[in-house]
Protein backbone atom coordinates (compact mmCIF):
# COMPACT_ATOMS: atom_id res chain seq x y z
CA MET A 1 68.44 -29.62 -52.18
CA ARG A 2 67.29 -26.30 -53.91
CA ASP A 3 69.42 -22.90 -53.35
CA ALA A 4 67.91 -20.99 -50.48
CA ALA A 5 67.86 -18.10 -52.46
CA PHE A 6 65.65 -19.44 -55.10
CA LYS A 7 63.23 -21.05 -52.94
CA GLN A 8 62.87 -17.48 -51.15
CA LYS A 9 62.26 -15.59 -54.40
CA GLU A 10 60.06 -18.14 -55.58
CA ASN A 11 57.89 -18.24 -52.57
CA LYS A 12 57.67 -14.26 -52.50
CA MET A 13 56.18 -15.07 -55.96
CA GLY A 14 53.37 -17.20 -54.74
CA ILE A 15 52.54 -14.81 -51.72
CA GLU A 16 52.33 -11.92 -54.39
CA ASP A 17 50.66 -14.22 -56.76
CA ARG A 18 47.97 -14.78 -54.25
CA VAL A 19 47.80 -11.45 -52.71
CA ASP A 20 46.78 -10.53 -56.67
CA ALA A 21 44.49 -13.87 -56.64
CA THR A 22 42.75 -12.62 -53.83
CA LEU A 23 42.24 -8.61 -55.14
CA LYS A 24 40.79 -10.12 -57.83
CA ASN A 25 38.15 -12.01 -56.45
CA VAL A 26 37.40 -9.11 -54.18
CA GLU A 27 36.71 -6.83 -57.04
CA GLY A 28 34.57 -9.45 -58.84
CA LYS A 29 32.73 -9.77 -56.47
CA VAL A 30 32.05 -5.77 -55.37
CA GLN A 31 31.26 -5.48 -59.21
CA GLU A 32 28.84 -8.55 -58.97
CA ALA A 33 27.57 -6.94 -56.34
CA VAL A 34 27.13 -3.09 -58.13
CA GLY A 35 25.46 -4.98 -61.21
CA GLU A 36 23.25 -6.62 -58.95
CA PHE A 37 22.62 -2.84 -57.45
CA THR A 38 21.49 -1.47 -60.77
CA GLY A 39 20.77 -4.61 -62.84
CA ASP A 40 23.66 -4.68 -64.39
CA PRO A 41 23.87 -8.24 -66.16
CA LYS A 42 27.18 -7.31 -67.49
CA ASP A 43 29.01 -6.21 -64.48
CA GLN A 44 27.09 -9.22 -62.66
CA MET A 45 28.96 -11.73 -65.19
CA GLU A 46 31.94 -9.67 -65.38
CA GLY A 47 32.33 -9.86 -61.63
CA LYS A 48 31.66 -13.24 -61.87
CA ALA A 49 34.11 -14.30 -64.21
CA LYS A 50 36.39 -12.38 -61.85
CA GLN A 51 35.74 -14.37 -58.79
CA VAL A 52 36.59 -17.85 -61.46
CA GLN A 53 39.76 -16.26 -62.32
CA ALA A 54 40.42 -15.53 -59.11
CA ALA A 55 39.68 -19.34 -58.15
CA ALA A 56 42.42 -20.55 -61.08
CA GLN A 57 44.69 -18.17 -59.72
CA HIS A 58 44.54 -19.81 -56.55
CA GLU A 59 44.48 -23.29 -57.23
CA LYS A 60 47.46 -22.58 -59.91
CA GLU A 61 49.45 -22.25 -56.36
CA ASN A 62 48.19 -24.79 -54.66
CA ILE A 63 49.38 -26.83 -57.42
CA LYS A 64 52.73 -25.29 -56.80
CA ASP A 65 52.90 -25.87 -53.22
CA GLU A 66 52.41 -29.16 -53.95
CA ILE A 67 54.82 -29.52 -56.69
CA ASP A 68 57.44 -28.27 -54.73
CA GLN A 69 56.44 -30.48 -51.66
CA ALA A 70 56.82 -33.53 -53.67
CA VAL A 71 60.14 -32.35 -55.47
CA ASP A 72 61.56 -30.75 -51.57
CA GLU A 73 60.63 -34.43 -50.39
CA THR A 74 62.37 -36.42 -53.27
CA LEU A 75 65.32 -34.49 -52.81
CA SER A 76 65.64 -34.51 -49.26
C-alpha cells in the first residue's frame, strides 16, 4: 500500500489543482460576459478559452483520481 504521507500530499495537490481550475473557469465566464457586454469579441474568445482550459484541468484531475483508485485496488 502507498505511504499515507505521500497520499495525503497527493490529495492536497489535487484539491489545489481543482480550486485553480474552478477559479480559471469563473475568470473565463466573467471575461466572456464582459466581452459580450462591451461587444469585444477578443474578450469573449479569451473567456471561452479559459473555460476550456479549466474543463481540461478538471478532467485531468478526474483521470488522476481514477488511476489512484485503480492502483489502490490493485495493491489492496
